């Protein structure tokens, strides 16, 4: 973990580039897993909210119907952000 703290900015930039590549070419479930991993690995992973908005902007639906929300991934990213913070606190205390 000292490696991540020492080179935090370089690793965050590399993780952001990897996430952009995943958003462009990976299936949705792999993107969600990468968001969770980033939330656990980094202190406060605000980027997950930006990535949720980016996915909605690129692949968003028309917003018709009950479950065809135009901001579906943003609504997924917000709880992931807070869940990752809570998981990180729990993992550090033990």
PDB file of N, CA and C in Angstrom:
ATOM      1  N   UNK A   1       0.816  -1.200   0.000  1.00  0.00           N
ATOM      2  CA  UNK A   1       0.000   0.000   0.000  1.00  0.00           C
ATOM      3  C   UNK A   1       0.858   1.261   0.000  1.00  0.00           C
ATOM      4  N   UNK A   2       2.116   1.174   0.477  1.00  0.00           N
ATOM      5  CA  UNK A   2       2.979   2.345   0.438  1.00  0.00           C
ATOM      6  C   UNK A   2       3.288   2.755  -0.991  1.00  0.00           C
ATOM      7  N   UNK A   3       3.346   1.767  -1.881  1.00  0.00           N
ATOM      8  CA  UNK A   3       3.592   2.065  -3.291  1.00  0.00           C
ATOM      9  C   UNK A   3       2.469   2.925  -3.858  1.00  0.00           C
ATOM     10  N   UNK A   4       1.236   2.607  -3.503  1.00  0.00           N
ATOM     11  CA  UNK A   4       0.096   3.373  -3.996  1.00  0.00           C
ATOM     12  C   UNK A   4       0.123   4.792  -3.425  1.00  0.00           C
ATOM     13  N   UNK A   5       0.490   4.946  -2.167  1.00  0.00           N
ATOM     14  CA  UNK A   5       0.533   6.287  -1.580  1.00  0.00           C
ATOM     15  C   UNK A   5       1.674   7.123  -2.161  1.00  0.00           C
ATOM     16  N   UNK A   6       2.818   6.497  -2.454  1.00  0.00           N
ATOM     17  CA  UNK A   6       3.960   7.224  -2.975  1.00  0.00           C
ATOM     18  C   UNK A   6       3.708   7.728  -4.387  1.00  0.00           C
ATOM     19  N   UNK A   7       3.167   6.885  -5.225  1.00  0.00           N
ATOM     20  CA  UNK A   7       2.948   7.228  -6.619  1.00  0.00           C
ATOM     21  C   UNK A   7       1.460   7.388  -6.911  1.00  0.00           C
ATOM     22  N   UNK A   8       0.748   8.010  -6.004  1.00  0.00           N
ATOM     23  CA  UNK A   8      -0.702   8.099  -6.081  1.00  0.00           C
ATOM     24  C   UNK A   8      -1.181   8.833  -7.333  1.00  0.00           C
ATOM     25  N   UNK A   9      -0.575   9.938  -7.666  1.00  0.00           N
ATOM     26  CA  UNK A   9      -1.072  10.716  -8.800  1.00  0.00           C
ATOM     27  C   UNK A   9      -0.806   9.990 -10.110  1.00  0.00           C
ATOM     28  N   UNK A  10       0.359   9.359 -10.250  1.00  0.00           N
ATOM     29  CA  UNK A  10       0.649   8.624 -11.470  1.00  0.00           C
ATOM     30  C   UNK A  10      -0.270   7.415 -11.628  1.00  0.00           C
ATOM     31  N   UNK A  11      -0.537   6.752 -10.530  1.00  0.00           N
ATOM     32  CA  UNK A  11      -1.415   5.583 -10.587  1.00  0.00           C
ATOM     33  C   UNK A  11      -2.851   6.015 -10.859  1.00  0.00           C
ATOM     34  N   UNK A  12      -3.281   7.128 -10.295  1.00  0.00           N
ATOM     35  CA  UNK A  12      -4.638   7.626 -10.562  1.00  0.00           C
ATOM     36  C   UNK A  12      -4.812   8.000 -12.034  1.00  0.00           C
ATOM     37  N   UNK A  13      -3.781   8.611 -12.609  1.00  0.00           N
ATOM     38  CA  UNK A  13      -3.855   8.953 -14.027  1.00  0.00           C
ATOM     39  C   UNK A  13      -3.894   7.688 -14.879  1.00  0.00           C
ATOM     40  N   UNK A  14      -3.061   6.712 -14.538  1.00  0.00           N
ATOM     41  CA  UNK A  14      -3.072   5.441 -15.270  1.00  0.00           C
ATOM     42  C   UNK A  14      -4.413   4.732 -15.113  1.00  0.00           C
ATOM     43  N   UNK A  15      -4.986   4.779 -13.907  1.00  0.00           N
ATOM     44  CA  UNK A  15      -6.292   4.165 -13.681  1.00  0.00           C
ATOM     45  C   UNK A  15      -7.382   4.885 -14.473  1.00  0.00           C
ATOM     46  N   UNK A  16      -7.275   6.199 -14.597  1.00  0.00           N
ATOM     47  CA  UNK A  16      -8.258   6.951 -15.380  1.00  0.00           C
ATOM     48  C   UNK A  16      -8.159   6.605 -16.858  1.00  0.00           C
ATOM     49  N   UNK A  17      -6.938   6.475 -17.364  1.00  0.00           N
ATOM     50  CA  UNK A  17      -6.769   6.075 -18.769  1.00  0.00           C
ATOM     51  C   UNK A  17      -7.296   4.668 -18.998  1.00  0.00           C
ATOM     52  N   UNK A  18      -7.021   3.760 -18.055  1.00  0.00           N
ATOM     53  CA  UNK A  18      -7.556   2.408 -18.154  1.00  0.00           C
ATOM     54  C   UNK A  18      -9.080   2.418 -18.122  1.00  0.00           C
ATOM     55  N   UNK A  19      -9.655   3.239 -17.260  1.00  0.00           N
ATOM     56  CA  UNK A  19     -11.108   3.315 -17.161  1.00  0.00           C
ATOM     57  C   UNK A  19     -11.712   3.873 -18.447  1.00  0.00           C
ATOM     58  N   UNK A  20     -11.058   4.853 -19.063  1.00  0.00           N
ATOM     59  CA  UNK A  20     -11.539   5.380 -20.343  1.00  0.00           C
ATOM     60  C   UNK A  20     -11.512   4.297 -21.420  1.00  0.00           C
ATOM     61  N   UNK A  21     -10.465   3.480 -21.416  1.00  0.00           N
ATOM     62  CA  UNK A  21     -10.399   2.366 -22.364  1.00  0.00           C
ATOM     63  C   UNK A  21     -11.500   1.345 -22.082  1.00  0.00           C
ATOM     64  N   UNK A  22     -11.762   1.076 -20.807  1.00  0.00           N
ATOM     65  CA  UNK A  22     -12.844   0.149 -20.455  1.00  0.00           C
ATOM     66  C   UNK A  22     -14.197   0.699 -20.875  1.00  0.00           C
ATOM     67  N   UNK A  23     -14.402   1.996 -20.684  1.00  0.00           N
ATOM     68  CA  UNK A  23     -15.672   2.609 -21.088  1.00  0.00           C
ATOM     69  C   UNK A  23     -15.864   2.491 -22.594  1.00  0.00           C
ATOM     70  N   UNK A  24     -14.778   2.615 -23.341  1.00  0.00           N
ATOM     71  CA  UNK A  24     -14.877   2.557 -24.800  1.00  0.00           C
ATOM     72  C   UNK A  24     -15.096   1.139 -25.311  1.00  0.00           C
ATOM     73  N   UNK A  25     -14.466   0.121 -24.679  1.00  0.00           N
ATOM     74  CA  UNK A  25     -14.471  -1.200 -25.295  1.00  0.00           C
ATOM     75  C   UNK A  25     -14.947  -2.352 -24.416  1.00  0.00           C
ATOM     76  N   UNK A  26     -15.108  -2.182 -23.127  1.00  0.00           N
ATOM     77  CA  UNK A  26     -15.433  -3.295 -22.243  1.00  0.00           C
ATOM     78  C   UNK A  26     -16.938  -3.389 -21.997  1.00  0.00           C
ATOM     79  N   UNK A  27     -17.401  -4.567 -21.575  1.00  0.00           N
ATOM     80  CA  UNK A  27     -18.815  -4.689 -21.204  1.00  0.00           C
ATOM     81  C   UNK A  27     -19.100  -3.945 -19.896  1.00  0.00           C
ATOM     82  N   UNK A  28     -20.388  -3.693 -19.654  1.00  0.00           N
ATOM     83  CA  UNK A  28     -20.791  -2.865 -18.515  1.00  0.00           C
ATOM     84  C   UNK A  28     -20.361  -3.465 -17.183  1.00  0.00           C
ATOM     85  N   UNK A  29     -20.396  -4.791 -17.038  1.00  0.00           N
ATOM     86  CA  UNK A  29     -20.088  -5.407 -15.755  1.00  0.00           C
ATOM     87  C   UNK A  29     -18.603  -5.267 -15.414  1.00  0.00           C
ATOM     88  N   UNK A  30     -17.736  -5.246 -16.421  1.00  0.00           N
ATOM     89  CA  UNK A  30     -16.317  -5.056 -16.163  1.00  0.00           C
ATOM     90  C   UNK A  30     -16.024  -3.615 -15.739  1.00  0.00           C
ATOM     91  N   UNK A  31     -16.776  -2.678 -16.296  1.00  0.00           N
ATOM     92  CA  UNK A  31     -16.635  -1.273 -15.909  1.00  0.00           C
ATOM     93  C   UNK A  31     -17.054  -1.082 -14.458  1.00  0.00           C
ATOM     94  N   UNK A  32     -18.163  -1.714 -14.059  1.00  0.00           N
ATOM     95  CA  UNK A  32     -18.637  -1.621 -12.668  1.00  0.00           C
ATOM     96  C   UNK A  32     -17.607  -2.222 -11.716  1.00  0.00           C
ATOM     97  N   UNK A  33     -17.026  -3.375 -12.072  1.00  0.00           N
ATOM     98  CA  UNK A  33     -16.000  -3.984 -11.224  1.00  0.00           C
ATOM     99  C   UNK A  33     -14.763  -3.091 -11.103  1.00  0.00           C
ATOM    100  N   UNK A  34     -14.387  -2.440 -12.196  1.00  0.00           N
ATOM    101  CA  UNK A  34     -13.245  -1.522 -12.148  1.00  0.00           C
ATOM    102  C   UNK A  34     -13.557  -0.309 -11.285  1.00  0.00           C
ATOM    103  N   UNK A  35     -14.800   0.162 -11.318  1.00  0.00           N
ATOM    104  CA  UNK A  35     -15.191   1.280 -10.459  1.00  0.00           C
ATOM    105  C   UNK A  35     -15.100   0.891  -8.988  1.00  0.00           C
ATOM    106  N   UNK A  36     -15.548  -0.301  -8.666  1.00  0.00           N
ATOM    107  CA  UNK A  36     -15.475  -0.780  -7.279  1.00  0.00           C
ATOM    108  C   UNK A  36     -14.020  -0.928  -6.843  1.00  0.00           C
ATOM    109  N   UNK A  37     -13.192  -1.504  -7.715  1.00  0.00           N
ATOM    110  CA  UNK A  37     -11.772  -1.686  -7.387  1.00  0.00           C
ATOM    111  C   UNK A  37     -11.086  -0.334  -7.187  1.00  0.00           C
ATOM    112  N   UNK A  38     -11.400   0.629  -8.020  1.00  0.00           N
ATOM    113  CA  UNK A  38     -10.816   1.963  -7.858  1.00  0.00           C
ATOM    114  C   UNK A  38     -11.256   2.621  -6.565  1.00  0.00           C
ATOM    115  N   UNK A  39     -12.524   2.418  -6.198  1.00  0.00           N
ATOM    116  CA  UNK A  39     -13.023   2.982  -4.954  1.00  0.00           C
ATOM    117  C   UNK A  39     -12.368   2.384  -3.728  1.00  0.00           C
ATOM    118  N   UNK A  40     -11.966   1.123  -3.823  1.00  0.00           N
ATOM    119  CA  UNK A  40     -11.305   0.482  -2.694  1.00  0.00           C
ATOM    120  C   UNK A  40      -9.812   0.822  -2.671  1.00  0.00           C
ATOM    121  N   UNK A  41      -9.184   0.921  -3.831  1.00  0.00           N
ATOM    122  CA  UNK A  41      -7.737   1.158  -3.890  1.00  0.00           C
ATOM    123  C   UNK A  41      -7.340   2.589  -3.571  1.00  0.00           C
ATOM    124  N   UNK A  42      -8.147   3.558  -3.952  1.00  0.00           N
ATOM    125  CA  UNK A  42      -7.790   4.963  -3.767  1.00  0.00           C
ATOM    126  C   UNK A  42      -8.571   5.550  -2.602  1.00  0.00           C
ATOM    127  N   UNK A  43      -7.999   6.586  -1.982  1.00  0.00           N
ATOM    128  CA  UNK A  43      -8.601   7.182  -0.796  1.00  0.00           C
ATOM    129  C   UNK A  43     -10.034   7.634  -1.051  1.00  0.00           C
ATOM    130  N   UNK A  44     -10.227   8.630  -1.859  1.00  0.00           N
ATOM    131  CA  UNK A  44     -11.565   9.084  -2.236  1.00  0.00           C
ATOM    132  C   UNK A  44     -11.567   9.128  -3.753  1.00  0.00           C
ATOM    133  N   UNK A  45     -12.336   8.251  -4.349  1.00  0.00           N
ATOM    134  CA  UNK A  45     -12.302   8.055  -5.798  1.00  0.00           C
ATOM    135  C   UNK A  45     -13.451   8.818  -6.440  1.00  0.00           C
ATOM    136  N   UNK A  46     -13.289  10.151  -6.513  1.00  0.00           N
ATOM    137  CA  UNK A  46     -14.319  11.004  -7.104  1.00  0.00           C
ATOM    138  C   UNK A  46     -14.518  10.718  -8.589  1.00  0.00           C
ATOM    139  N   UNK A  47     -13.517  10.150  -9.210  1.00  0.00           N
ATOM    140  CA  UNK A  47     -13.582   9.911 -10.642  1.00  0.00           C
ATOM    141  C   UNK A  47     -14.732   8.986 -11.027  1.00  0.00           C
ATOM    142  N   UNK A  48     -15.157   8.151 -10.104  1.00  0.00           N
ATOM    143  CA  UNK A  48     -16.240   7.224 -10.406  1.00  0.00           C
ATOM    144  C   UNK A  48     -17.519   7.986 -10.788  1.00  0.00           C
ATOM    145  N   UNK A  49     -17.738   9.119 -10.189  1.00  0.00           N
ATOM    146  CA  UNK A  49     -18.913   9.925 -10.536  1.00  0.00           C
ATOM    147  C   UNK A  49     -18.781  10.498 -11.948  1.00  0.00           C
ATOM    148  N   UNK A  50     -17.592  10.924 -12.302  1.00  0.00           N
ATOM    149  CA  UNK A  50     -17.357  11.451 -13.644  1.00  0.00           C
ATOM    150  C   UNK A  50     -17.512  10.344 -14.677  1.00  0.00           C
ATOM    151  N   UNK A  51     -17.019   9.151 -14.355  1.00  0.00           N
ATOM    152  CA  UNK A  51     -17.140   8.036 -15.291  1.00  0.00           C
ATOM    153  C   UNK A  51     -18.597   7.622 -15.477  1.00  0.00           C
ATOM    154  N   UNK A  52     -19.392   7.708 -14.421  1.00  0.00           N
ATOM    155  CA  UNK A  52     -20.822   7.419 -14.556  1.00  0.00           C
ATOM    156  C   UNK A  52     -21.506   8.377 -15.507  1.00  0.00           C
ATOM    157  N   UNK A  53     -21.169   9.655 -15.395  1.00  0.00           N
ATOM    158  CA  UNK A  53     -21.729  10.660 -16.304  1.00  0.00           C
ATOM    159  C   UNK A  53     -21.246  10.416 -17.729  1.00  0.00           C
ATOM    160  N   UNK A  54     -19.969  10.033 -17.887  1.00  0.00           N
ATOM    161  CA  UNK A  54     -19.433   9.774 -19.222  1.00  0.00           C
ATOM    162  C   UNK A  54     -20.128   8.591 -19.889  1.00  0.00           C
ATOM    163  N   UNK A  55     -20.371   7.532 -19.123  1.00  0.00           N
ATOM    164  CA  UNK A  55     -21.053   6.366 -19.689  1.00  0.00           C
ATOM    165  C   UNK A  55     -22.460   6.746 -20.114  1.00  0.00           C
ATOM    166  N   UNK A  56     -23.151   7.524 -19.296  1.00  0.00           N
ATOM    167  CA  UNK A  56     -24.496   7.963 -19.666  1.00  0.00           C
ATOM    168  C   UNK A  56     -24.480   8.845 -20.901  1.00  0.00           C
ATOM    169  N   UNK A  57     -23.475   9.689 -21.027  1.00  0.00           N
ATOM    170  CA  UNK A  57     -23.391  10.557 -22.200  1.00  0.00           C
ATOM    171  C   UNK A  57     -23.117   9.754 -23.465  1.00  0.00           C
ATOM    172  N   UNK A  58     -22.316   8.717 -23.350  1.00  0.00           N
ATOM    173  CA  UNK A  58     -21.981   7.919 -24.527  1.00  0.00           C
ATOM    174  C   UNK A  58     -23.054   6.896 -24.879  1.00  0.00           C
ATOM    175  N   UNK A  59     -23.571   6.188 -23.879  1.00  0.00           N
ATOM    176  CA  UNK A  59     -24.452   5.060 -24.132  1.00  0.00           C
ATOM    177  C   UNK A  59     -25.846   5.237 -23.551  1.00  0.00           C
ATOM    178  N   UNK A  60     -26.203   6.429 -23.151  1.00  0.00           N
ATOM    179  CA  UNK A  60     -27.498   6.665 -22.516  1.00  0.00           C
ATOM    180  C   UNK A  60     -28.671   6.354 -23.438  1.00  0.00           C
ATOM    181  N   UNK A  61     -29.759   5.915 -22.836  1.00  0.00           N
ATOM    182  CA  UNK A  61     -30.960   5.614 -23.611  1.00  0.00           C
ATOM    183  C   UNK A  61     -31.787   6.873 -23.780  1.00  0.00           C
ATOM    184  N   UNK A  62     -32.907   6.729 -24.442  1.00  0.00           N
ATOM    185  CA  UNK A  62     -33.744   7.899 -24.726  1.00  0.00           C
ATOM    186  C   UNK A  62     -34.511   8.386 -23.502  1.00  0.00           C
ATOM    187  N   UNK A  63     -34.582   7.599 -22.451  1.00  0.00           N
ATOM    188  CA  UNK A  63     -35.265   8.018 -21.243  1.00  0.00           C
ATOM    189  C   UNK A  63     -36.745   7.699 -21.242  1.00  0.00           C
ATOM    190  N   UNK A  64     -37.176   6.787 -22.080  1.00  0.00           N
ATOM    191  CA  UNK A  64     -38.586   6.417 -22.130  1.00  0.00           C
ATOM    192  C   UNK A  64     -38.812   5.171 -21.285  1.00  0.00           C
ATOM    193  N   UNK A  65     -39.915   5.117 -20.598  1.00  0.00           N
ATOM    194  CA  UNK A  65     -40.234   3.965 -19.767  1.00  0.00           C
ATOM    195  C   UNK A  65     -39.724   4.147 -18.359  1.00  0.00           C
ATOM    196  N   UNK A  66     -39.992   3.157 -17.521  1.00  0.00           N
ATOM    197  CA  UNK A  66     -39.619   3.247 -16.108  1.00  0.00           C
ATOM    198  C   UNK A  66     -38.134   2.988 -15.906  1.00  0.00           C
ATOM    199  N   UNK A  67     -37.590   1.942 -16.515  1.00  0.00           N
ATOM    200  CA  UNK A  67     -36.210   1.559 -16.249  1.00  0.00           C
ATOM    201  C   UNK A  67     -35.230   2.027 -17.317  1.00  0.00           C
ATOM    202  N   UNK A  68     -35.680   2.699 -18.323  1.00  0.00           N
ATOM    203  CA  UNK A  68     -34.786   3.242 -19.341  1.00  0.00           C
ATOM    204  C   UNK A  68     -34.394   4.666 -18.994  1.00  0.00           C
ATOM    205  N   UNK A  69     -33.793   4.827 -17.848  1.00  0.00           N
ATOM    206  CA  UNK A  69     -33.370   6.145 -17.395  1.00  0.00           C
ATOM    207  C   UNK A  69     -32.184   6.622 -18.217  1.00  0.00           C
ATOM    208  N   UNK A  70     -32.136   7.889 -18.471  1.00  0.00           N
ATOM    209  CA  UNK A  70     -31.022   8.444 -19.216  1.00  0.00           C
ATOM    210  C   UNK A  70     -29.780   8.582 -18.330  1.00  0.00           C
ATOM    211  N   UNK A  71     -29.964   8.610 -17.043  1.00  0.00           N
ATOM    212  CA  UNK A  71     -28.840   8.753 -16.108  1.00  0.00           C
ATOM    213  C   UNK A  71     -28.648   7.483 -15.280  1.00  0.00           C
ATOM    214  N   UNK A  72     -28.843   6.338 -15.886  1.00  0.00           N
ATOM    215  CA  UNK A  72     -28.788   5.066 -15.180  1.00  0.00           C
ATOM    216  C   UNK A  72     -27.423   4.830 -14.531  1.00  0.00           C
ATOM    217  N   UNK A  73     -26.345   5.006 -15.260  1.00  0.00           N
ATOM    218  CA  UNK A  73     -25.019   4.719 -14.708  1.00  0.00           C
ATOM    219  C   UNK A  73     -24.560   5.771 -13.705  1.00  0.00           C
ATOM    220  N   UNK A  74     -25.030   6.966 -13.846  1.00  0.00           N
ATOM    221  CA  UNK A  74     -24.732   7.973 -12.829  1.00  0.00           C
ATOM    222  C   UNK A  74     -25.413   7.592 -11.520  1.00  0.00           C
ATOM    223  N   UNK A  75     -26.637   7.089 -11.613  1.00  0.00           N
ATOM    224  CA  UNK A  75     -27.347   6.651 -10.407  1.00  0.00           C
ATOM    225  C   UNK A  75     -26.721   5.396  -9.808  1.00  0.00           C
ATOM    226  N   UNK A  76     -26.019   4.619 -10.601  1.00  0.00           N
ATOM    227  CA  UNK A  76     -25.274   3.474 -10.078  1.00  0.00           C
ATOM    228  C   UNK A  76     -23.969   3.951  -9.454  1.00  0.00           C
ATOM    229  N   UNK A  77     -23.326   4.952 -10.047  1.00  0.00           N
ATOM    230  CA  UNK A  77     -22.018   5.416  -9.582  1.00  0.00           C
ATOM    231  C   UNK A  77     -22.094   6.115  -8.226  1.00  0.00           C
ATOM    232  N   UNK A  78     -23.182   6.800  -7.957  1.00  0.00           N
ATOM    233  CA  UNK A  78     -23.296   7.525  -6.679  1.00  0.00           C
ATOM    234  C   UNK A  78     -23.297   6.568  -5.488  1.00  0.00           C
ATOM    235  N   UNK A  79     -24.132   5.513  -5.480  1.00  0.00           N
ATOM    236  CA  UNK A  79     -24.034   4.581  -4.345  1.00  0.00           C
ATOM    237  C   UNK A  79     -22.705   3.825  -4.306  1.00  0.00           C
ATOM    238  N   UNK A  80     -22.124   3.518  -5.473  1.00  0.00           N
ATOM    239  CA  UNK A  80     -20.822   2.858  -5.488  1.00  0.00           C
ATOM    240  C   UNK A  80     -19.768   3.717  -4.808  1.00  0.00           C
ATOM    241  N   UNK A  81     -19.853   5.005  -5.006  1.00  0.00           N
ATOM    242  CA  UNK A  81     -18.915   5.934  -4.386  1.00  0.00           C
ATOM    243  C   UNK A  81     -18.992   5.839  -2.864  1.00  0.00           C
ATOM    244  N   UNK A  82     -20.202   5.882  -2.326  1.00  0.00           N
ATOM    245  CA  UNK A  82     -20.365   5.843  -0.876  1.00  0.00           C
ATOM    246  C   UNK A  82     -20.116   4.448  -0.310  1.00  0.00           C
ATOM    247  N   UNK A  83     -20.472   3.406  -1.047  1.00  0.00           N
ATOM    248  CA  UNK A  83     -20.198   2.038  -0.596  1.00  0.00           C
ATOM    249  C   UNK A  83     -18.699   1.798  -0.529  1.00  0.00           C
ATOM    250  N   UNK A  84     -17.969   2.295  -1.517  1.00  0.00           N
ATOM    251  CA  UNK A  84     -16.512   2.123  -1.513  1.00  0.00           C
ATOM    252  C   UNK A  84     -15.882   2.845  -0.330  1.00  0.00           C
ATOM    253  N   UNK A  85     -16.387   4.015   0.015  1.00  0.00           N
ATOM    254  CA  UNK A  85     -15.853   4.739   1.183  1.00  0.00           C
ATOM    255  C   UNK A  85     -16.116   3.944   2.456  1.00  0.00           C
ATOM    256  N   UNK A  86     -17.321   3.400   2.599  1.00  0.00           N
ATOM    257  CA  UNK A  86     -17.639   2.617   3.798  1.00  0.00           C
ATOM    258  C   UNK A  86     -16.829   1.324   3.851  1.00  0.00           C
ATOM    259  N   UNK A  87     -16.675   0.642   2.709  1.00  0.00           N
ATOM    260  CA  UNK A  87     -15.875  -0.577   2.686  1.00  0.00           C
ATOM    261  C   UNK A  87     -14.419  -0.288   3.031  1.00  0.00           C
ATOM    262  N   UNK A  88     -13.918   0.801   2.543  1.00  0.00           N
ATOM    263  CA  UNK A  88     -12.532   1.161   2.807  1.00  0.00           C
ATOM    264  C   UNK A  88     -12.315   1.419   4.295  1.00  0.00           C
ATOM    265  N   UNK A  89     -13.259   2.084   4.938  1.00  0.00           N
ATOM    266  CA  UNK A  89     -13.144   2.334   6.377  1.00  0.00           C
ATOM    267  C   UNK A  89     -13.189   1.025   7.160  1.00  0.00           C
ATOM    268  N   UNK A  90     -14.076   0.118   6.762  1.00  0.00           N
ATOM    269  CA  UNK A  90     -14.188  -1.164   7.454  1.00  0.00           C
ATOM    270  C   UNK A  90     -12.938  -2.018   7.254  1.00  0.00           C
ATOM    271  N   UNK A  91     -12.381  -1.992   6.056  1.00  0.00           N
ATOM    272  CA  UNK A  91     -11.194  -2.801   5.796  1.00  0.00           C
ATOM    273  C   UNK A  91      -9.967  -2.259   6.513  1.00  0.00           C
ATOM    274  N   UNK A  92      -9.903  -0.979   6.730  1.00  0.00           N
ATOM    275  CA  UNK A  92      -8.753  -0.383   7.425  1.00  0.00           C
ATOM    276  C   UNK A  92      -8.789  -0.612   8.920  1.00  0.00           C
ATOM    277  N   UNK A  93      -9.973  -0.747   9.515  1.00  0.00           N
ATOM    278  CA  UNK A  93     -10.051  -0.901  10.961  1.00  0.00           C
ATOM    279  C   UNK A  93      -9.671  -2.306  11.406  1.00  0.00           C
ATOM    280  N   UNK A  94      -9.764  -3.261  10.516  1.00  0.00           N
ATOM    281  CA  UNK A  94      -9.469  -4.660  10.922  1.00  0.00           C
ATOM    282  C   UNK A  94      -8.072  -5.063  10.597  1.00  0.00           C
TER     283      UNK A  94
END
